[in-house]
């Protein structure tokens, strides 16, 4: 990912393992890298009608995690039909510069938006069209974590990926998710190993912080919380025995 100026406070971010915070709008480089360290490759899926906050929160959190780990974190927007401009739910125009390539990702993030707006672009339209659910159905492989938030989880459901699996979604779609075979958990984030789902809209922050903690360690997640001035909220249901 391209390096960006990171707004830092002048206080020490001990939780992130930093010696001291830089001044506001610091252009200080991220932590030194081990050239042999394995990178974390995150693909955030875009489609017309996607909710702005659904896509922005995971992108921002996971992209910023690059500053709190010695691993290289590469976060990019991808679109099923190749590089193109996408119009989000409230009119924001976004450029997906990368093609669909889940075989080159470690984490796939599927935002929601438009599930209730049946006559407009969004999740419901993507389900009816079918191409994105079919692509998601083909995506699972060893080493890939597929995650989704809000009604993006319904795209995974349409792909058959939540059937018989612990999961959650936006509160207005939970009944549909359960009818389609998902095992609903009353949690903000549900981690079932290679499938991680989260509730509505703002839970994208908590999903991304959980993925950062799981993939990069507790110190990275704490550093992100300090930077964002946000503490992860809600319950994380997990099938994993040891989450570090």
Protein backbone atom coordinates (compact mmCIF):
# COMPACT_ATOMS: atom_id res chain seq x y z
CA UNK A 1 0.00 0.00 0.00
CA UNK A 2 1.12 3.62 -0.45
CA UNK A 3 2.54 5.24 2.66
CA UNK A 4 0.33 7.96 4.07
CA UNK A 5 0.87 10.65 6.66
CA UNK A 6 -0.43 9.26 9.95
CA UNK A 7 -1.96 11.60 12.52
CA UNK A 8 -0.18 10.82 15.75
CA UNK A 9 -0.46 12.36 19.19
CA UNK A 10 2.60 13.61 21.03
CA UNK A 11 2.05 11.07 23.79
CA UNK A 12 3.74 7.72 24.00
CA UNK A 13 1.74 4.86 22.47
CA UNK A 14 3.07 2.20 24.77
CA UNK A 15 0.32 -0.23 23.86
CA UNK A 16 1.58 -0.28 20.31
CA UNK A 17 5.17 -0.70 21.37
CA UNK A 18 6.21 2.71 20.01
CA UNK A 19 8.90 4.61 21.79
CA UNK A 20 7.11 7.94 21.40
CA UNK A 21 4.38 9.48 19.32
CA UNK A 22 5.32 11.82 16.51
CA UNK A 23 3.89 15.31 16.09
CA UNK A 24 0.57 15.86 14.37
CA UNK A 25 0.57 14.96 10.65
CA UNK A 26 3.91 13.20 11.10
CA UNK A 27 5.42 11.58 8.04
CA UNK A 28 7.56 9.25 10.14
CA UNK A 29 8.06 5.86 8.54
CA UNK A 30 6.26 2.79 9.88
CA UNK A 31 8.11 0.20 11.92
CA UNK A 32 11.19 -1.29 10.32
CA UNK A 33 10.47 -4.35 8.21
CA UNK A 34 12.05 -7.75 8.20
CA UNK A 35 12.60 -8.36 4.48
CA UNK A 36 11.64 -11.99 4.98
CA UNK A 37 8.44 -11.22 6.88
CA UNK A 38 5.27 -12.56 5.33
CA UNK A 39 2.94 -9.87 4.06
CA UNK A 40 -0.75 -9.69 4.89
CA UNK A 41 -2.79 -9.17 1.71
CA UNK A 42 -6.30 -7.80 2.21
CA UNK A 43 -8.83 -7.37 -0.60
CA UNK A 44 -11.91 -5.21 0.06
CA UNK A 45 -14.67 -5.99 -2.45
CA UNK A 46 -16.45 -3.11 -4.18
CA UNK A 47 -19.73 -3.16 -6.11
CA UNK A 48 -22.28 -0.53 -7.07
CA UNK A 49 -24.50 0.38 -4.12
CA UNK A 50 -21.98 -0.64 -1.47
CA UNK A 51 -22.36 1.30 1.80
CA UNK A 52 -19.66 3.94 2.28
CA UNK A 53 -18.98 3.27 5.97
CA UNK A 54 -19.05 -0.49 5.39
CA UNK A 55 -16.10 -0.26 3.03
CA UNK A 56 -14.23 2.69 4.53
CA UNK A 57 -13.91 1.47 8.13
CA UNK A 58 -12.24 -1.89 7.36
CA UNK A 59 -10.03 -0.29 4.69
CA UNK A 60 -8.86 2.50 7.01
CA UNK A 61 -8.21 0.25 10.01
CA UNK A 62 -6.40 -2.49 8.12
CA UNK A 63 -4.40 -0.07 5.98
CA UNK A 64 -3.29 1.83 9.10
CA UNK A 65 -2.29 -1.44 10.79
CA UNK A 66 0.81 -1.31 8.59
CA UNK A 67 2.20 1.22 11.09
CA UNK A 68 1.90 -1.11 14.07
CA UNK A 69 3.50 -4.31 12.83
CA UNK A 70 6.77 -5.47 11.32
CA UNK A 71 4.76 -7.28 8.64
CA UNK A 72 3.90 -5.58 5.37
CA UNK A 73 0.15 -5.04 5.08
CA UNK A 74 -1.22 -4.51 1.58
CA UNK A 75 -4.87 -3.42 1.42
CA UNK A 76 -6.60 -2.86 -1.90
CA UNK A 77 -10.04 -2.40 -3.40
CA UNK A 78 -11.05 -5.05 -5.92
CA UNK A 79 -14.05 -5.42 -8.21
CA UNK A 80 -15.35 -8.61 -9.78
CA UNK A 81 -15.42 -7.20 -13.29
CA UNK A 82 -11.95 -5.70 -13.14
CA UNK A 83 -10.60 -2.22 -12.44
CA UNK A 84 -13.42 0.32 -12.65
CA UNK A 85 -15.23 3.14 -10.88
CA UNK A 86 -17.98 2.13 -8.46
CA UNK A 87 -20.81 4.36 -7.24
CA UNK A 88 -21.55 3.73 -3.56
CA UNK A 89 -24.91 3.95 -1.80
CA UNK A 90 -24.81 7.69 -1.14
CA UNK A 91 -23.21 8.70 -4.41
CA UNK A 92 -19.52 8.48 -3.54
CA UNK A 93 -17.50 7.42 -6.57
CA UNK A 94 -14.64 5.04 -5.81
CA UNK A 95 -11.98 3.53 -8.01
CA UNK A 96 -11.24 -0.17 -7.70
CA UNK A 97 -7.79 -0.34 -9.25
CA UNK A 98 -7.42 -4.10 -8.93
CA UNK A 99 -9.17 -7.07 -10.46
CA UNK A 100 -10.85 -9.90 -8.60
CA UNK A 101 -8.09 -12.25 -7.42
CA UNK A 102 -8.96 -14.05 -4.16
CA UNK A 103 -6.16 -16.53 -4.87
CA UNK A 104 -3.76 -13.65 -4.19
CA UNK A 105 -5.39 -12.57 -0.91
CA UNK A 106 -5.03 -13.68 2.69
CA UNK A 107 -8.19 -11.87 3.82
CA UNK A 108 -11.23 -11.01 1.73
CA UNK A 109 -13.57 -8.34 3.17
CA UNK A 110 -17.11 -8.10 1.77
CA UNK A 111 -19.01 -4.94 2.78
CA UNK A 112 -22.79 -4.58 2.62
CA UNK A 113 -25.29 -2.01 1.41
CA UNK A 114 -28.49 -2.05 -0.58
CA UNK A 115 -30.02 -5.26 0.73
CA UNK A 116 -33.21 -3.44 1.74
CA UNK A 117 -33.24 -1.23 -1.36
CA UNK A 118 -34.60 -3.83 -3.74
CA UNK A 119 -34.97 -1.45 -6.71
CA UNK A 120 -31.43 0.00 -6.51
CA UNK A 121 -27.85 -1.25 -6.88
CA UNK A 122 -26.43 -3.06 -3.89
CA UNK A 123 -26.33 -6.45 -2.20
CA UNK A 124 -29.85 -7.46 -3.27
CA UNK A 125 -29.12 -6.60 -6.90
CA UNK A 126 -25.82 -8.50 -6.77
CA UNK A 127 -27.60 -11.56 -5.38
CA UNK A 128 -30.21 -11.43 -8.13
CA UNK A 129 -27.57 -11.00 -10.82
CA UNK A 130 -25.61 -13.91 -9.36
CA UNK A 131 -22.09 -13.29 -10.60
CA UNK A 132 -20.60 -12.11 -7.30
CA UNK A 133 -22.13 -14.92 -5.20
CA UNK A 134 -20.82 -17.46 -7.72
CA UNK A 135 -17.35 -15.93 -7.55
CA UNK A 136 -17.45 -15.97 -3.75
CA UNK A 137 -18.53 -19.62 -3.79
CA UNK A 138 -15.37 -20.45 -5.76
CA UNK A 139 -13.07 -18.36 -3.57
CA UNK A 140 -12.44 -20.57 -0.48
CA UNK A 141 -9.03 -22.20 -0.28
CA UNK A 142 -6.52 -23.03 2.44
CA UNK A 143 -4.95 -19.85 3.79
CA UNK A 144 -7.81 -17.51 2.86
CA UNK A 145 -10.07 -15.93 5.47
CA UNK A 146 -13.36 -14.70 4.03
CA UNK A 147 -14.95 -11.96 6.11
CA UNK A 148 -18.05 -9.84 5.70
CA UNK A 149 -19.99 -7.24 7.60
CA UNK A 150 -23.51 -5.92 7.67
CA UNK A 151 -25.59 -7.21 4.75
CA UNK A 152 -22.42 -8.18 2.90
CA UNK A 153 -22.87 -11.39 4.88
CA UNK A 154 -25.95 -12.04 2.76
CA UNK A 155 -23.69 -12.25 -0.29
CA UNK A 156 -21.78 -15.00 1.50
CA UNK A 157 -25.10 -16.64 2.34
CA UNK A 158 -26.14 -16.53 -1.32
CA UNK A 159 -22.82 -18.19 -2.10
CA UNK A 160 -23.57 -20.99 0.39
CA UNK A 161 -20.62 -20.03 2.60
CA UNK A 162 -22.59 -19.45 5.82
CA UNK A 163 -24.74 -22.58 5.66
CA UNK A 164 -24.19 -24.60 8.82
CA UNK A 165 -21.64 -22.04 10.08
CA UNK A 166 -21.76 -19.66 13.07
CA UNK A 167 -22.31 -16.13 11.74
CA UNK A 168 -24.06 -12.79 12.17
CA UNK A 169 -25.24 -9.84 10.06
CA UNK A 170 -27.20 -6.58 10.23
CA UNK A 171 -30.14 -7.00 12.61
CA UNK A 172 -32.70 -6.54 9.82
CA UNK A 173 -31.22 -9.41 7.81
CA UNK A 174 -30.72 -11.92 10.63
CA UNK A 175 -33.97 -13.77 10.00
CA UNK A 176 -33.07 -14.22 6.33
CA UNK A 177 -29.58 -15.42 7.23
CA UNK A 178 -30.97 -18.00 9.63
CA UNK A 179 -33.58 -19.18 7.13
CA UNK A 180 -30.79 -19.73 4.64
CA UNK A 181 -28.93 -22.04 7.00
CA UNK A 182 -26.65 -19.77 8.98
CA UNK A 183 -26.18 -20.51 12.68
CA UNK A 184 -26.82 -17.11 14.23
CA UNK A 185 -24.69 -15.94 17.16
CA UNK A 186 -25.61 -12.94 19.27
CA UNK A 187 -22.24 -11.25 18.90
CA UNK A 188 -20.77 -8.17 17.27
CA UNK A 189 -18.13 -10.30 15.51
CA UNK A 190 -18.30 -14.04 14.89
CA UNK A 191 -15.01 -15.82 14.15
CA UNK A 192 -15.36 -19.35 12.82
CA UNK A 193 -11.80 -19.70 11.58
CA UNK A 194 -11.76 -19.09 7.85
CA UNK A 195 -15.15 -17.34 8.04
CA UNK A 196 -15.47 -14.11 10.04
CA UNK A 197 -18.68 -12.09 10.04
CA UNK A 198 -19.88 -8.93 11.77
CA UNK A 199 -23.08 -7.01 12.42
CA UNK A 200 -24.38 -3.76 10.96
CA UNK A 201 -22.49 -0.79 9.52
CA UNK A 202 -20.27 0.47 12.39
CA UNK A 203 -19.23 -3.08 13.30
CA UNK A 204 -16.80 -2.81 10.38
CA UNK A 205 -14.48 -1.09 12.86
CA UNK A 206 -14.72 -4.03 15.25
CA UNK A 207 -14.34 -6.59 12.48
CA UNK A 208 -11.16 -4.92 11.26
CA UNK A 209 -9.73 -4.51 14.76
CA UNK A 210 -10.42 -8.19 15.44
CA UNK A 211 -8.75 -9.24 12.19
CA UNK A 212 -5.76 -7.03 13.04
CA UNK A 213 -5.52 -8.61 16.48
CA UNK A 214 -5.85 -12.12 15.08
CA UNK A 215 -3.43 -11.70 12.19
CA UNK A 216 -0.95 -9.15 13.57
CA UNK A 217 -1.18 -9.47 17.34
CA UNK A 218 -2.68 -7.68 20.32
CA UNK A 219 -0.16 -4.81 20.28
CA UNK A 220 -1.13 -3.92 16.71
CA UNK A 221 -4.81 -3.82 17.66
CA UNK A 222 -4.12 -1.69 20.75
CA UNK A 223 -2.00 0.69 18.68
CA UNK A 224 -4.84 1.06 16.21
CA UNK A 225 -7.34 1.74 18.98
CA UNK A 226 -5.09 4.49 20.30
CA UNK A 227 -4.70 6.06 16.87
CA UNK A 228 -8.42 5.86 16.11
CA UNK A 229 -9.49 6.94 19.61
CA UNK A 230 -11.91 4.03 19.50
CA UNK A 231 -12.14 1.00 21.77
CA UNK A 232 -13.38 -2.24 20.24
CA UNK A 233 -16.90 -2.86 21.46
CA UNK A 234 -19.29 -5.75 21.68
CA UNK A 235 -18.72 -9.47 22.03
CA UNK A 236 -16.49 -11.52 19.76
CA UNK A 237 -17.74 -15.09 19.46
CA UNK A 238 -14.94 -17.38 18.41
CA UNK A 239 -14.49 -21.05 17.76
CA UNK A 240 -10.74 -20.68 18.09
CA UNK A 241 -9.16 -22.01 21.26
CA UNK A 242 -6.30 -19.54 21.36
CA UNK A 243 -6.50 -16.02 19.94
CA UNK A 244 -3.26 -14.62 21.32
